[in-house]
Amino acid sequence: MVGKSLISINDYSKEEYLRILDLTAEFEKKPSQNLLHGYVVATLFFEPSTRTRLSFESAVNRLGGKILGFADANVTSVTKGETLHDTIKMVQNYCDLIVIRHPLEGSARYASEVASVPVINAGDGANQHPTQTLLDMYSIKKTQNTLDDLNIFFVGDLKYGRTVHSLLMAMSKFRTTFNFISPDELKMPNEYKLYLDSLGLKYYEHKDFTDIISHADIIYMTRVQKERFSDPIEYEKVKNAYILRNNMLENTKDTVKILHPLPRVNEINEDVDENKKAYYFIQALNGVYTRMAIITSILGLK
């Protein structure tokens, strides 16, 4: 893993996932460590972000490193016509590691091929979000005490949701049963279902989850992403397709946990927040420890 970019969740093996999760647990116990003294991490966010950007910055700061970069491409030379190639070539001179979020699929992979330093994909369009996947896996393992033989419900935008795509790929290595709940317009793309077929893993598709939610170990809610729709009318048709309310959790397992990559819009009612089964805010905190583990592993510091 030393010096190895993380662009897709498939870039890491099952053994490497587990090593990252073990290291994440270590950082949760002792989050302030001066391992990045003298290191600089560049965060290039061409697309809006709150949790991902701030958790990366928190991770670097807790490790004693320095941050440079931007959270708005409109204040960079991109507005003057600078290409991604030239931006990466320039930034690599100033840092030891690049974290990039970009709206175009494949942009992070391209950046890793151009850069002389390792690159971490913080989300590229509807494609992948591997660090979110690793923090999701940590949240699942921490709450369920295992990653094996779980029943995971993905709810909402499964077509454009890069978090569900990445998590599906990772959890397919742990004998997971998947339930896909979405409107027809936002169904899980066929390539992911074909992948599960090739592994002999079970998955089920539903349009409603009210009657089957009791079987879930993990309920992974997602927002319908307005920014992925070219037609605003199509967005309006599906934006409130699924709303999880507290009374819907009455017959669910005591151990079930509700995850969400955030931000939420309407898909989880605020009356769920006080339920012990709600885990999405702690999940966001887990992102700091997970990203500490990923950064120090790539830089060969752990």
Protein backbone atom coordinates (compact mmCIF):
# COMPACT_ATOMS: atom_id res chain seq x y z
CA MET A 1 0.00 0.00 0.00
CA VAL A 2 2.98 2.33 0.43
CA GLY A 3 3.02 4.91 -2.35
CA LYS A 4 -0.10 3.33 -3.90
CA SER A 5 -2.92 5.60 -5.05
CA LEU A 6 -6.48 4.82 -3.93
CA ILE A 7 -8.78 5.54 -6.86
CA SER A 8 -11.22 2.63 -6.84
CA ILE A 9 -12.17 0.39 -3.95
CA ASN A 10 -10.94 -2.43 -6.21
CA ASP A 11 -7.40 -1.05 -5.94
CA TYR A 12 -7.18 -2.68 -2.49
CA SER A 13 -7.50 -6.33 -1.60
CA LYS A 14 -9.71 -7.77 1.11
CA GLU A 15 -6.63 -8.11 3.34
CA GLU A 16 -5.78 -4.45 2.78
CA TYR A 17 -9.35 -3.43 3.69
CA LEU A 18 -9.03 -5.30 6.96
CA ARG A 19 -5.64 -3.78 7.71
CA ILE A 20 -7.07 -0.28 7.19
CA LEU A 21 -10.01 -1.08 9.49
CA ASP A 22 -7.68 -2.35 12.23
CA LEU A 23 -5.57 0.77 11.90
CA THR A 24 -8.72 2.92 12.01
CA ALA A 25 -9.58 1.38 15.38
CA GLU A 26 -6.10 2.32 16.63
CA PHE A 27 -6.56 5.93 15.57
CA GLU A 28 -9.99 6.07 17.20
CA LYS A 29 -8.36 5.13 20.50
CA LYS A 30 -5.51 7.63 20.01
CA PRO A 31 -6.44 10.23 17.39
CA SER A 32 -3.70 12.80 18.02
CA GLN A 33 -0.37 11.55 16.68
CA ASN A 34 2.40 13.63 15.14
CA LEU A 35 3.10 11.22 12.27
CA LEU A 36 2.69 13.77 9.47
CA HIS A 37 5.13 16.36 10.79
CA GLY A 38 6.91 17.79 7.76
CA TYR A 39 4.35 16.41 5.27
CA VAL A 40 1.99 18.44 3.07
CA VAL A 41 -1.33 17.11 1.73
CA ALA A 42 -3.12 18.90 -1.13
CA THR A 43 -6.92 18.81 -1.21
CA LEU A 44 -8.30 19.66 -4.66
CA PHE A 45 -12.08 19.88 -4.50
CA PHE A 46 -13.51 20.73 -7.91
CA GLU A 47 -16.95 19.76 -6.57
CA PRO A 48 -18.70 20.92 -3.35
CA SER A 49 -18.04 18.93 -0.18
CA THR A 50 -18.43 19.37 3.55
CA ARG A 51 -17.80 16.08 5.36
CA THR A 52 -15.21 14.61 3.01
CA ARG A 53 -13.09 17.74 2.75
CA LEU A 54 -13.28 18.66 6.42
CA SER A 55 -12.66 15.11 7.61
CA PHE A 56 -9.55 14.87 5.42
CA GLU A 57 -8.35 18.20 6.77
CA SER A 58 -9.13 17.12 10.34
CA ALA A 59 -7.23 13.88 9.76
CA VAL A 60 -4.14 15.72 8.49
CA ASN A 61 -4.27 18.27 11.29
CA ARG A 62 -4.61 15.58 13.97
CA LEU A 63 -1.55 13.90 12.47
CA GLY A 64 0.51 17.10 12.57
CA GLY A 65 0.64 17.68 8.81
CA LYS A 66 -0.08 20.73 6.65
CA ILE A 67 -2.95 21.26 4.21
CA LEU A 68 -3.04 23.26 1.00
CA GLY A 69 -5.60 23.35 -1.75
CA PHE A 70 -9.02 24.72 -2.60
CA ALA A 71 -12.69 24.02 -2.01
CA ASP A 72 -13.95 25.99 -5.01
CA ALA A 73 -12.50 25.54 -8.48
CA ASN A 74 -13.81 29.00 -9.40
CA VAL A 75 -10.97 30.61 -7.45
CA THR A 76 -8.30 28.66 -9.35
CA SER A 77 -6.64 28.91 -12.75
CA VAL A 78 -9.24 26.44 -14.05
CA THR A 79 -11.35 29.53 -14.73
CA LYS A 80 -8.55 30.70 -17.04
CA GLY A 81 -8.64 27.47 -18.99
CA GLU A 82 -5.97 25.47 -17.14
CA THR A 83 -6.37 21.74 -17.76
CA LEU A 84 -6.59 19.07 -15.07
CA HIS A 85 -3.28 17.74 -16.38
CA ASP A 86 -1.52 21.04 -15.74
CA THR A 87 -3.18 21.59 -12.37
CA ILE A 88 -1.96 18.20 -11.14
CA LYS A 89 1.53 18.73 -12.59
CA MET A 90 1.74 22.03 -10.74
CA VAL A 91 0.30 20.87 -7.41
CA GLN A 92 2.50 17.75 -7.21
CA ASN A 93 5.49 20.06 -6.73
CA TYR A 94 4.03 21.40 -3.49
CA CYS A 95 2.88 18.28 -1.65
CA ASP A 96 3.45 14.64 -0.70
CA LEU A 97 -0.11 13.43 -1.39
CA ILE A 98 -3.08 14.68 -3.43
CA VAL A 99 -6.75 14.27 -2.46
CA ILE A 100 -9.07 15.07 -5.35
CA ARG A 101 -12.82 15.36 -5.84
CA HIS A 102 -14.04 16.02 -9.37
CA PRO A 103 -17.42 15.83 -11.11
CA LEU A 104 -16.11 13.81 -14.08
CA GLU A 105 -15.87 10.03 -13.87
CA GLY A 106 -12.32 8.85 -14.47
CA SER A 107 -10.77 12.17 -13.46
CA ALA A 108 -9.16 10.77 -10.31
CA ARG A 109 -7.63 7.86 -12.23
CA TYR A 110 -6.28 10.29 -14.79
CA ALA A 111 -4.82 12.45 -12.00
CA SER A 112 -3.05 9.40 -10.53
CA GLU A 113 -1.51 8.62 -13.92
CA VAL A 114 -0.24 12.19 -14.27
CA ALA A 115 0.98 12.80 -10.71
CA SER A 116 4.37 11.89 -9.29
CA VAL A 117 2.84 11.59 -5.78
CA PRO A 118 0.03 9.26 -4.61
CA VAL A 119 -3.55 10.34 -5.28
CA ILE A 120 -6.67 9.61 -3.21
CA ASN A 121 -10.04 9.74 -4.94
CA ALA A 122 -12.51 11.71 -2.81
CA GLY A 123 -15.28 11.12 -5.36
CA ASP A 124 -15.34 11.26 -9.15
CA GLY A 125 -18.82 11.85 -10.53
CA ALA A 126 -21.15 8.89 -10.12
CA ASN A 127 -18.23 6.47 -10.24
CA GLN A 128 -16.37 5.75 -6.97
CA HIS A 129 -15.83 7.08 -3.46
CA PRO A 130 -13.41 4.57 -1.90
CA THR A 131 -12.57 6.41 1.35
CA GLN A 132 -16.30 6.69 2.09
CA THR A 133 -16.54 2.95 1.50
CA LEU A 134 -13.79 2.21 4.00
CA LEU A 135 -15.39 4.38 6.68
CA ASP A 136 -18.73 2.70 5.91
CA MET A 137 -17.09 -0.70 6.34
CA TYR A 138 -15.58 0.42 9.63
CA SER A 139 -19.01 1.59 10.78
CA ILE A 140 -20.57 -1.73 9.77
CA LYS A 141 -17.90 -3.82 11.46
CA LYS A 142 -17.97 -1.73 14.61
CA THR A 143 -21.75 -1.99 15.00
CA GLN A 144 -22.29 -5.55 13.77
CA ASN A 145 -19.03 -7.09 15.07
CA THR A 146 -18.53 -8.70 11.65
CA LEU A 147 -18.53 -7.98 7.93
CA ASP A 148 -19.71 -11.46 6.95
CA ASP A 149 -23.21 -12.74 6.16
CA LEU A 150 -25.04 -9.44 6.57
CA ASN A 151 -28.24 -8.24 4.91
CA ILE A 152 -27.68 -4.73 3.58
CA PHE A 153 -30.49 -2.54 2.27
CA PHE A 154 -29.51 0.20 -0.18
CA VAL A 155 -32.29 2.78 -0.43
CA GLY A 156 -32.76 5.71 -2.79
CA ASP A 157 -30.46 6.76 -5.63
CA LEU A 158 -28.73 3.57 -6.71
CA LYS A 159 -28.07 4.71 -10.28
CA TYR A 160 -25.87 7.73 -9.59
CA GLY A 161 -24.87 6.93 -6.00
CA ARG A 162 -21.11 6.41 -6.07
CA THR A 163 -21.13 5.48 -2.38
CA VAL A 164 -23.43 2.49 -2.94
CA HIS A 165 -21.46 1.38 -5.98
CA SER A 166 -18.19 1.35 -4.04
CA LEU A 167 -19.70 -0.27 -0.95
CA LEU A 168 -21.33 -3.01 -3.02
CA MET A 169 -17.99 -3.89 -4.59
CA ALA A 170 -16.24 -4.06 -1.23
CA MET A 171 -18.95 -5.94 0.67
CA SER A 172 -19.26 -8.50 -2.13
CA LYS A 173 -16.11 -10.04 -0.64
CA PHE A 174 -17.94 -10.83 2.61
CA ARG A 175 -20.89 -13.08 1.56
CA THR A 176 -23.34 -10.17 1.76
CA THR A 177 -27.01 -10.34 0.76
CA PHE A 178 -28.14 -7.10 -0.91
CA ASN A 179 -31.56 -5.52 -1.14
CA PHE A 180 -31.96 -2.67 -3.64
CA ILE A 181 -34.85 -0.28 -3.01
CA SER A 182 -35.33 2.45 -5.59
CA PRO A 183 -37.72 3.87 -8.17
CA ASP A 184 -37.29 2.50 -11.69
CA GLU A 185 -35.49 5.69 -12.75
CA LEU A 186 -32.76 5.16 -10.14
CA LYS A 187 -32.22 1.39 -10.16
CA MET A 188 -28.85 -0.21 -9.53
CA PRO A 189 -27.01 -0.31 -12.89
CA ASN A 190 -26.93 -3.70 -14.58
CA GLU A 191 -23.15 -4.02 -14.47
CA TYR A 192 -23.22 -4.23 -10.67
CA LYS A 193 -25.97 -6.85 -10.72
CA LEU A 194 -24.06 -8.88 -13.29
CA TYR A 195 -21.01 -8.66 -11.05
CA LEU A 196 -22.98 -10.10 -8.11
CA ASP A 197 -24.36 -12.81 -10.41
CA SER A 198 -20.81 -13.80 -11.34
CA LEU A 199 -20.02 -14.25 -7.64
CA GLY A 200 -23.20 -16.17 -6.87
CA LEU A 201 -24.33 -13.55 -4.37
CA LYS A 202 -28.02 -12.93 -3.67
CA TYR A 203 -29.69 -9.62 -4.34
CA TYR A 204 -33.31 -8.52 -4.44
CA GLU A 205 -34.92 -5.47 -6.02
CA HIS A 206 -37.91 -3.68 -4.50
CA LYS A 207 -39.86 -0.48 -5.00
CA ASP A 208 -40.95 -0.29 -1.36
CA PHE A 209 -39.19 -1.31 1.84
CA THR A 210 -41.90 -0.87 4.47
CA ASP A 211 -42.79 -4.56 4.72
CA ILE A 212 -39.27 -5.99 4.44
CA ILE A 213 -37.23 -3.59 6.55
CA SER A 214 -37.38 -5.98 9.51
CA HIS A 215 -34.83 -8.24 7.79
CA ALA A 216 -32.12 -5.58 7.54
CA ASP A 217 -28.82 -5.54 9.42
CA ILE A 218 -27.80 -2.26 7.77
CA ILE A 219 -30.12 0.29 6.18
CA TYR A 220 -28.04 2.51 3.91
CA MET A 221 -30.08 5.57 2.97
CA THR A 222 -29.05 7.90 0.15
CA ARG A 223 -30.37 11.21 -1.09
CA VAL A 224 -31.63 11.68 -4.61
CA GLN A 225 -28.85 13.81 -6.09
CA LYS A 226 -30.30 16.82 -7.85
CA GLU A 227 -26.93 17.68 -9.39
CA ARG A 228 -26.86 14.41 -11.35
CA PHE A 229 -30.12 15.19 -13.22
CA SER A 230 -30.09 17.09 -16.50
CA ASP A 231 -33.90 17.34 -16.42
CA PRO A 232 -35.31 19.07 -13.29
CA ILE A 233 -38.74 17.56 -13.92
CA GLU A 234 -37.29 14.05 -13.62
CA TYR A 235 -35.69 15.03 -10.31
CA GLU A 236 -38.97 16.39 -8.95
CA LYS A 237 -40.68 13.08 -9.77
CA VAL A 238 -38.37 11.01 -7.55
CA LYS A 239 -36.85 13.39 -4.97
CA ASN A 240 -39.12 12.22 -2.14
CA ALA A 241 -39.50 8.60 -3.22
CA TYR A 242 -38.38 7.22 0.16
CA ILE A 243 -38.57 8.86 3.56
CA LEU A 244 -37.52 6.87 6.64
CA ARG A 245 -39.51 7.77 9.74
CA ASN A 246 -39.00 6.68 13.33
CA ASN A 247 -42.21 4.63 13.53
CA MET A 248 -41.02 2.51 10.60
CA LEU A 249 -38.21 1.13 12.78
CA GLU A 250 -40.45 -0.43 15.44
CA ASN A 251 -40.25 -3.98 14.06
CA THR A 252 -36.62 -3.86 12.94
CA LYS A 253 -33.76 -5.77 14.58
CA ASP A 254 -32.36 -4.34 17.82
CA THR A 255 -28.93 -4.38 16.21
CA VAL A 256 -29.88 -2.69 12.93
CA LYS A 257 -28.04 0.54 12.15
CA ILE A 258 -29.02 3.31 9.75
CA LEU A 259 -26.17 4.69 7.68
CA HIS A 260 -26.14 7.64 5.30
CA PRO A 261 -23.15 9.20 3.49
CA LEU A 262 -24.76 12.62 4.02
CA PRO A 263 -25.87 15.27 3.34
CA ARG A 264 -29.48 14.28 3.81
CA VAL A 265 -32.37 16.24 2.39
CA ASN A 266 -35.77 14.65 3.16
CA GLU A 267 -34.96 10.93 3.08
CA ILE A 268 -34.47 10.54 6.85
CA ASN A 269 -36.97 12.34 9.05
CA GLU A 270 -35.40 14.19 11.97
CA ASP A 271 -37.45 12.09 14.41
CA VAL A 272 -35.08 9.21 13.58
CA ASP A 273 -32.06 11.11 14.94
CA GLU A 274 -32.69 10.22 18.59
CA ASN A 275 -33.26 6.54 17.86
CA LYS A 276 -30.34 4.36 18.99
CA LYS A 277 -30.47 2.71 15.56
CA ALA A 278 -29.44 5.98 13.88
CA TYR A 279 -25.69 5.94 13.26
CA TYR A 280 -25.04 8.43 10.45
CA PHE A 281 -23.50 11.20 12.57
CA ILE A 282 -21.10 8.78 14.28
CA GLN A 283 -20.44 7.32 10.83
CA ALA A 284 -19.24 10.79 9.73
CA LEU A 285 -16.89 10.96 12.73
CA ASN A 286 -15.50 7.55 11.79
CA GLY A 287 -14.42 9.17 8.54
CA VAL A 288 -11.69 11.12 10.32
CA TYR A 289 -10.09 8.01 11.83
CA THR A 290 -10.45 6.04 8.60
CA ARG A 291 -8.79 8.75 6.54
CA MET A 292 -5.99 8.97 9.09
CA ALA A 293 -5.42 5.25 8.54
CA ILE A 294 -5.47 5.57 4.74
CA ILE A 295 -3.11 8.55 4.61
CA THR A 296 -0.53 7.05 6.96
CA SER A 297 -0.65 3.70 5.15
CA ILE A 298 -0.09 5.27 1.73
CA LEU A 299 2.78 7.40 3.04
CA GLY A 300 4.35 4.38 4.75
CA LEU A 301 4.06 5.87 8.23
CA LYS A 302 2.03 3.01 9.70
